[in-house]
Amino acid sequence: MATPGCSSPGFAAMGMVELLVHGLDIGRALDLGWRPPEHLCAPAVRRLFPEAPDGADATEVLLWCTGRAELPGLGRRDRWQWDGAVRPSTSVI
């Protein structure tokens, strides 16, 4: 069951973000050197973080969006929230 006010693609993107960023957290704790794949991060960033800056590596942008990294010229976020709201039909996710 999806979150009220959230579309199915938004809900799926939330699941992807959870897997990617917590997978990174686990990988860092275990010193695995794993990095979320950019091709999985890009659609999740586009779907959930409309305020995300363009032009940077999608993995780095996802980490910035979720408060796990800094981007050049942008400090590390101490608060964040995704936007899974229903949107006009897109093919992002």
Foldseek 3Di string as FASTA:
>chain_A
DDDPQFDPVLRVLVVLLVCQVVVVVVCVVVVVPDFRDQVSQVLSCVQWPVPFDPDDRSRQSSCQQVQNHADVVGDGDPDHDTDRGDDPDDPSD
